[in-house]
Amino acid sequence: MTKEFIFTRTHYAAKTELQIIICLVISVILKLHYVFAGSCSELKIEPDSNNDITEHSQDDKIRSYLCTVCHKRYRGPSGLYQHSKRHTGENVYSCTQCDKRFSSQSGLYKHTNIHAGKYKCTECGRCCHTPQYLDRHRRSHSGEKPFECTVCSKRFTTSGDLVRHSRIHSGEKLYKCHVCEKTFSQSSSLHRHMRVHTGDKPYDCPFCGKLFKRNTHLKCHARIHTGAKPYSCRHCSQRFTRRRQLKTHLLKSHNEGTWLTCNICQKKFSNSGKLKQHLLRHGVKPYVCSQCPKHFCRVYELKRHQLVHSDYKQFCCGLCSKDFKHKYYVVRHFKKCSAKLR
């Protein structure tokens, strides 16, 4: 038996096996469609008339498969099927080292690379699950930004960041909320926005049990308990809990970076988020208090104001059990209270 013949048989067997797997996946998806068709959390394949595109480097490819539970889109049925397991709870592949669960064997296999230290950063020791993520992570140390916007020349570390940024210039907002019809330029933004309507807060603090809508918010909050300050200034010994604090410090203390200026009143800001909030104050204030005639630019400002009309005190000092209406006051009080105990 020649090597050529062995290769042909193996190739034929692999091809046949692949066809069987594809058929099984499609049949499971169809079954899921009928299972969820009568429930309130419907999950089905839905053609996309808006030609939604991906968030990553292959943004010209159409995502034709829609999850109607969370409205995330996928290019093919296999991607939708793997995603559907998040809603059905079918995370059947468990990591033996950290008990983390995955909906696919490939996801678990990539995750084990982190424990094995297969793709480890030589600068900080961080382990990544793929070589692509390691390359991207290394750019955070080198400062390399190989992807440049052709409109404003702003540079980015990944092609996905460039694609998302380009929608600022094009004005494309391809992802629409079916509840309030608000539109977004990224499917991930729509996915997070849906939690406003569902009230879902899937991330809980292991120290105090507080719930969060986003994992990044949980990570920042956890530093209150751990005291971690991962962002350090390269010019002095100061460290910070948030990246934006470091950026502001570099601007004010070391004149490093670029101030963002309001084109109406010329006020300067260290980050785009604060500038956007400020610009709202020059325009319409759409949020009105139901108890008094005050208007506000943002929802959170209205909610904070409404506490004035209420006796509800949601914040409590963990040392003396004194209650407060606002987070700012309990944080300020906690510092004074803890100083007395030292």
Protein backbone atom coordinates (compact mmCIF):
# COMPACT_ATOMS: atom_id res chain seq x y z
CA MET A 1 0.00 0.00 0.00
CA THR A 2 1.56 3.30 -1.07
CA LYS A 3 1.72 6.45 0.99
CA GLU A 4 -0.34 8.22 -1.68
CA PHE A 5 -3.18 5.70 -1.28
CA ILE A 6 -3.11 6.04 2.54
CA PHE A 7 -3.36 9.82 2.21
CA THR A 8 -6.32 9.52 -0.17
CA ARG A 9 -8.23 7.21 2.18
CA THR A 10 -7.53 9.46 5.17
CA HIS A 11 -8.56 12.54 3.23
CA TYR A 12 -11.79 10.87 2.08
CA ALA A 13 -12.60 9.71 5.61
CA ALA A 14 -11.97 13.18 7.02
CA LYS A 15 -14.12 14.77 4.34
CA THR A 16 -16.97 12.34 5.02
CA GLU A 17 -16.71 12.89 8.77
CA LEU A 18 -16.80 16.67 8.27
CA GLN A 19 -19.96 16.40 6.15
CA ILE A 20 -21.61 14.32 8.88
CA ILE A 21 -20.68 16.86 11.56
CA ILE A 22 -22.07 19.73 9.46
CA CYS A 23 -25.34 17.85 8.96
CA LEU A 24 -25.60 17.13 12.69
CA VAL A 25 -24.97 20.77 13.59
CA ILE A 26 -27.63 22.00 11.17
CA SER A 27 -30.14 19.44 12.44
CA VAL A 28 -29.50 20.49 16.06
CA ILE A 29 -30.01 24.14 15.13
CA LEU A 30 -33.32 23.32 13.47
CA LYS A 31 -34.38 21.39 16.58
CA LEU A 32 -33.46 24.34 18.75
CA HIS A 33 -35.54 26.58 16.52
CA TYR A 34 -38.64 24.47 17.11
CA VAL A 35 -37.92 24.07 20.84
CA PHE A 36 -37.64 27.81 21.38
CA ALA A 37 -40.31 28.85 18.88
CA GLY A 38 -43.09 28.75 21.46
CA SER A 39 -41.18 30.28 24.39
CA CYS A 40 -40.72 33.87 25.41
CA SER A 41 -36.96 33.62 24.82
CA GLU A 42 -37.09 32.77 21.15
CA LEU A 43 -33.95 31.51 19.44
CA LYS A 44 -33.94 31.19 15.68
CA ILE A 45 -32.08 31.87 12.44
CA GLU A 46 -33.24 35.09 10.87
CA PRO A 47 -31.98 36.54 7.57
CA ASP A 48 -30.48 40.00 7.81
CA SER A 49 -31.89 42.58 5.43
CA ASN A 50 -29.48 45.28 6.64
CA ASN A 51 -26.35 43.34 5.71
CA ASP A 52 -24.90 43.65 9.20
CA ILE A 53 -21.16 43.26 9.33
CA THR A 54 -18.72 42.00 11.92
CA GLU A 55 -16.76 43.98 14.44
CA HIS A 56 -13.37 42.57 13.51
CA SER A 57 -11.01 42.61 10.60
CA GLN A 58 -13.41 40.81 8.24
CA ASP A 59 -16.14 43.43 8.53
CA ASP A 60 -17.18 43.08 4.90
CA LYS A 61 -18.73 39.66 5.56
CA ILE A 62 -22.47 39.46 6.24
CA ARG A 63 -23.82 38.17 9.55
CA SER A 64 -27.01 36.46 8.45
CA TYR A 65 -27.78 34.41 11.57
CA LEU A 66 -29.52 36.23 14.41
CA CYS A 67 -29.96 35.13 18.03
CA THR A 68 -33.34 36.53 18.99
CA VAL A 69 -32.61 36.18 22.71
CA CYS A 70 -29.76 38.73 22.83
CA HIS A 71 -29.73 39.92 19.18
CA LYS A 72 -26.13 38.96 18.51
CA ARG A 73 -25.38 38.00 14.90
CA TYR A 74 -23.16 35.33 13.35
CA ARG A 75 -21.87 34.52 9.89
CA GLY A 76 -22.86 30.85 9.96
CA PRO A 77 -25.14 28.34 11.70
CA SER A 78 -22.30 26.73 13.67
CA GLY A 79 -21.41 30.05 15.31
CA LEU A 80 -25.05 30.64 16.25
CA TYR A 81 -25.34 27.08 17.60
CA GLN A 82 -22.28 27.45 19.86
CA HIS A 83 -23.58 30.83 21.05
CA SER A 84 -27.05 29.41 21.81
CA LYS A 85 -25.53 27.19 24.51
CA ARG A 86 -24.98 30.32 26.59
CA HIS A 87 -28.73 30.76 26.83
CA THR A 88 -29.58 27.08 27.26
CA GLY A 89 -26.81 26.52 29.84
CA GLU A 90 -25.09 23.80 27.81
CA ASN A 91 -21.54 24.66 28.93
CA VAL A 92 -20.51 21.02 29.02
CA TYR A 93 -16.72 21.34 28.79
CA SER A 94 -15.09 22.11 32.17
CA CYS A 95 -11.53 23.15 32.91
CA THR A 96 -10.00 20.81 35.50
CA GLN A 97 -7.75 23.56 36.88
CA CYS A 98 -10.18 26.45 37.45
CA ASP A 99 -13.66 24.93 36.91
CA LYS A 100 -14.43 27.41 34.14
CA ARG A 101 -16.96 25.96 31.69
CA PHE A 102 -17.16 26.24 27.90
CA SER A 103 -19.77 25.49 25.27
CA SER A 104 -17.24 24.00 22.83
CA GLN A 105 -14.23 21.72 23.05
CA SER A 106 -12.16 24.16 21.00
CA GLY A 107 -12.93 26.92 23.52
CA LEU A 108 -11.74 24.71 26.37
CA TYR A 109 -8.60 23.72 24.44
CA LYS A 110 -7.66 27.37 23.87
CA HIS A 111 -8.33 28.15 27.53
CA THR A 112 -5.94 25.40 28.72
CA ASN A 113 -3.12 27.25 26.95
CA ILE A 114 -3.42 29.93 29.65
CA HIS A 115 -2.74 27.43 32.45
CA ALA A 116 0.03 25.76 30.45
CA GLY A 117 1.71 29.12 29.82
CA LYS A 118 2.03 28.27 26.13
CA TYR A 119 1.70 31.88 24.98
CA LYS A 120 3.33 33.92 27.75
CA CYS A 121 4.32 37.58 27.62
CA THR A 122 8.01 38.01 28.46
CA GLU A 123 7.38 41.57 29.70
CA CYS A 124 4.71 41.03 32.37
CA GLY A 125 4.18 37.26 32.49
CA ARG A 126 0.58 37.36 31.30
CA CYS A 127 -0.55 34.15 29.59
CA CYS A 128 -2.79 34.27 26.53
CA HIS A 129 -4.92 31.54 24.96
CA THR A 130 -3.81 32.11 21.34
CA PRO A 131 -0.69 33.52 19.64
CA GLN A 132 -2.86 36.23 18.03
CA TYR A 133 -3.93 37.53 21.45
CA LEU A 134 -0.32 37.43 22.64
CA ASP A 135 0.78 39.54 19.65
CA ARG A 136 -1.98 42.03 20.37
CA HIS A 137 -1.10 42.13 24.06
CA ARG A 138 2.60 42.79 23.32
CA ARG A 139 1.59 46.00 21.56
CA SER A 140 0.39 47.35 24.92
CA HIS A 141 4.04 47.27 26.04
CA SER A 142 5.66 48.39 22.80
CA GLY A 143 3.08 51.09 22.02
CA GLU A 144 2.93 49.84 18.43
CA LYS A 145 -0.18 50.95 16.54
CA PRO A 146 0.10 49.58 12.99
CA PHE A 147 -3.44 50.39 11.82
CA GLU A 148 -4.09 54.00 10.72
CA CYS A 149 -7.38 55.75 9.97
CA THR A 150 -7.29 57.23 6.45
CA VAL A 151 -9.63 60.08 7.47
CA CYS A 152 -8.07 61.48 10.69
CA SER A 153 -4.75 59.56 10.84
CA LYS A 154 -5.52 58.18 14.30
CA ARG A 155 -3.68 54.91 14.88
CA PHE A 156 -4.84 51.67 16.53
CA THR A 157 -3.31 48.48 17.88
CA THR A 158 -5.83 46.14 16.17
CA SER A 159 -7.69 46.15 12.87
CA GLY A 160 -10.95 45.64 14.75
CA ASP A 161 -10.41 48.89 16.69
CA LEU A 162 -9.79 50.69 13.38
CA VAL A 163 -12.98 49.29 11.84
CA ARG A 164 -15.05 50.37 14.84
CA HIS A 165 -13.44 53.82 14.78
CA SER A 166 -14.12 54.25 11.04
CA ARG A 167 -17.86 54.13 11.74
CA ILE A 168 -17.53 57.45 13.58
CA HIS A 169 -16.66 59.06 10.24
CA SER A 170 -19.14 57.07 8.16
CA GLY A 171 -21.99 57.42 10.67
CA GLU A 172 -22.89 53.75 10.26
CA LYS A 173 -25.08 52.35 13.03
CA LEU A 174 -26.12 48.94 11.80
CA TYR A 175 -27.39 47.40 15.04
CA LYS A 176 -30.87 48.42 16.21
CA CYS A 177 -32.62 47.77 19.52
CA HIS A 178 -36.05 46.25 18.89
CA VAL A 179 -37.40 47.73 22.16
CA CYS A 180 -36.50 51.43 21.93
CA GLU A 181 -35.11 51.53 18.34
CA LYS A 182 -31.81 53.01 19.48
CA THR A 183 -29.04 52.22 17.00
CA PHE A 184 -25.42 51.22 17.56
CA SER A 185 -22.28 50.89 15.47
CA GLN A 186 -21.24 47.62 17.19
CA SER A 187 -23.20 44.48 17.99
CA SER A 188 -21.45 44.29 21.39
CA SER A 189 -22.83 47.75 22.25
CA LEU A 190 -26.33 46.57 21.39
CA HIS A 191 -25.80 43.43 23.46
CA ARG A 192 -24.81 45.54 26.50
CA HIS A 193 -27.66 47.99 25.86
CA MET A 194 -30.25 45.19 25.99
CA ARG A 195 -29.43 44.80 29.69
CA VAL A 196 -30.98 48.24 30.26
CA HIS A 197 -34.33 46.73 29.25
CA THR A 198 -33.88 43.28 30.81
CA GLY A 199 -32.23 44.51 34.03
CA ASP A 200 -29.71 41.69 33.68
CA LYS A 201 -26.55 42.12 35.79
CA PRO A 202 -24.55 38.93 35.20
CA TYR A 203 -21.35 39.97 36.97
CA ASP A 204 -21.27 39.84 40.78
CA CYS A 205 -18.51 40.99 43.13
CA PRO A 206 -17.02 38.05 45.09
CA PHE A 207 -16.26 40.39 48.03
CA CYS A 208 -19.56 42.22 48.61
CA GLY A 209 -22.02 40.64 46.17
CA LYS A 210 -22.72 43.85 44.24
CA LEU A 211 -24.00 43.18 40.71
CA PHE A 212 -22.78 44.77 37.48
CA LYS A 213 -23.91 44.87 33.87
CA ARG A 214 -20.37 44.82 32.50
CA ASN A 215 -17.31 42.79 33.43
CA THR A 216 -15.06 45.86 33.11
CA HIS A 217 -17.15 47.64 35.75
CA LEU A 218 -16.77 44.66 38.09
CA LYS A 219 -12.98 44.62 37.62
CA CYS A 220 -12.73 48.33 38.46
CA HIS A 221 -15.01 47.88 41.49
CA ALA A 222 -13.01 44.90 42.81
CA ARG A 223 -9.96 47.15 43.15
CA ILE A 224 -11.79 48.96 45.97
CA HIS A 225 -11.55 45.72 47.96
CA THR A 226 -8.11 44.56 46.81
CA GLY A 227 -6.42 47.96 46.70
CA ALA A 228 -4.82 47.06 43.37
CA LYS A 229 -3.37 49.90 41.30
CA PRO A 230 -2.25 48.32 38.02
CA TYR A 231 -1.51 51.56 36.14
CA SER A 232 1.86 53.17 36.94
CA CYS A 233 3.39 56.41 35.72
CA ARG A 234 6.59 55.96 33.73
CA HIS A 235 7.93 59.30 34.96
CA CYS A 236 7.29 59.04 38.71
CA SER A 237 6.29 56.50 41.35
CA GLN A 238 2.55 57.21 41.34
CA ARG A 239 0.11 54.38 40.62
CA PHE A 240 -3.59 54.44 39.71
CA THR A 241 -6.60 52.14 39.80
CA ARG A 242 -7.96 53.32 36.42
CA ARG A 243 -6.33 53.97 33.07
CA ARG A 244 -8.07 57.32 32.66
CA GLN A 245 -6.61 58.47 36.01
CA LEU A 246 -3.13 57.75 34.67
CA LYS A 247 -3.91 59.58 31.42
CA THR A 248 -5.11 62.65 33.35
CA HIS A 249 -2.00 62.52 35.55
CA LEU A 250 0.31 62.39 32.51
CA LEU A 251 -1.42 65.43 31.01
CA LYS A 252 -1.46 67.55 34.17
CA SER A 253 1.86 66.59 35.76
CA HIS A 254 4.10 65.68 32.83
CA ASN A 255 2.46 67.46 29.87
CA GLU A 256 2.26 64.16 28.00
CA GLY A 257 -0.69 63.61 25.65
CA THR A 258 -3.28 65.87 24.05
CA TRP A 259 -6.02 67.87 25.72
CA LEU A 260 -9.48 67.69 24.10
CA THR A 261 -11.15 71.10 23.76
CA CYS A 262 -14.85 71.98 23.61
CA ASN A 263 -15.39 73.99 20.40
CA ILE A 264 -18.17 76.01 22.07
CA CYS A 265 -16.67 77.20 25.38
CA GLN A 266 -13.02 76.11 24.92
CA LYS A 267 -13.04 74.06 28.14
CA LYS A 268 -10.38 71.33 28.12
CA PHE A 269 -10.79 67.64 28.98
CA SER A 270 -8.41 64.72 29.41
CA ASN A 271 -10.65 62.08 27.77
CA SER A 272 -13.34 61.90 25.10
CA GLY A 273 -15.98 60.55 27.51
CA LYS A 274 -15.89 63.68 29.67
CA LEU A 275 -15.95 65.90 26.58
CA LYS A 276 -19.04 64.10 25.25
CA GLN A 277 -20.81 64.52 28.60
CA HIS A 278 -19.88 68.20 28.62
CA LEU A 279 -21.17 68.79 25.07
CA LEU A 280 -24.60 67.55 26.15
CA ARG A 281 -24.84 70.54 28.47
CA HIS A 282 -24.71 72.90 25.49
CA GLY A 283 -27.69 71.13 23.90
CA VAL A 284 -31.08 69.73 24.90
CA LYS A 285 -31.69 68.24 28.37
CA PRO A 286 -34.26 65.53 27.59
CA TYR A 287 -34.63 63.94 31.06
CA VAL A 288 -37.21 65.70 33.27
CA CYS A 289 -37.87 65.05 36.95
CA SER A 290 -41.45 63.96 37.65
CA GLN A 291 -41.39 65.70 41.07
CA CYS A 292 -40.04 69.10 40.01
CA PRO A 293 -39.33 71.02 36.76
CA LYS A 294 -35.58 70.25 36.69
CA HIS A 295 -34.07 68.90 33.43
CA PHE A 296 -30.98 66.70 33.01
CA CYS A 297 -28.64 65.66 30.22
CA ARG A 298 -28.21 62.04 31.26
CA VAL A 299 -30.36 59.33 32.85
CA TYR A 300 -27.96 58.73 35.75
CA GLU A 301 -28.09 62.46 36.64
CA LEU A 302 -31.89 62.29 36.81
CA LYS A 303 -31.77 59.14 38.98
CA ARG A 304 -29.25 60.75 41.32
CA HIS A 305 -31.42 63.86 41.61
CA GLN A 306 -34.59 61.87 42.33
CA LEU A 307 -33.03 60.71 45.61
CA VAL A 308 -33.61 64.29 46.85
CA HIS A 309 -37.35 63.59 46.77
CA SER A 310 -36.97 60.20 48.47
CA ASP A 311 -36.05 59.02 51.98
CA TYR A 312 -34.39 55.90 50.56
CA LYS A 313 -30.71 55.57 51.51
CA GLN A 314 -29.11 52.82 49.45
CA PHE A 315 -25.50 53.24 50.61
CA CYS A 316 -24.25 52.07 54.00
CA CYS A 317 -20.92 52.48 55.79
CA GLY A 318 -19.48 49.04 56.50
CA LEU A 319 -17.79 50.25 59.69
CA CYS A 320 -20.52 52.16 61.56
CA SER A 321 -23.66 51.21 59.54
CA LYS A 322 -24.56 54.85 58.87
CA ASP A 323 -26.77 55.23 55.78
CA PHE A 324 -26.37 57.66 52.88
CA LYS A 325 -28.33 58.58 49.77
CA HIS A 326 -25.32 59.16 47.54
CA LYS A 327 -22.22 57.05 46.90
CA TYR A 328 -19.94 60.09 47.04
CA TYR A 329 -20.91 60.83 50.65
CA VAL A 330 -20.49 57.26 51.89
CA VAL A 331 -17.02 57.04 50.28
CA ARG A 332 -16.00 60.33 51.90
CA HIS A 333 -17.44 59.23 55.25
CA PHE A 334 -15.76 55.80 55.04
CA LYS A 335 -12.32 57.40 54.72
CA LYS A 336 -12.91 59.48 57.86
CA CYS A 337 -14.43 56.54 59.72
CA SER A 338 -11.55 54.18 58.90
CA ALA A 339 -9.01 56.84 59.89
CA LYS A 340 -10.52 57.01 63.38
CA LEU A 341 -10.04 53.27 63.85
CA ARG A 342 -6.32 53.33 63.04
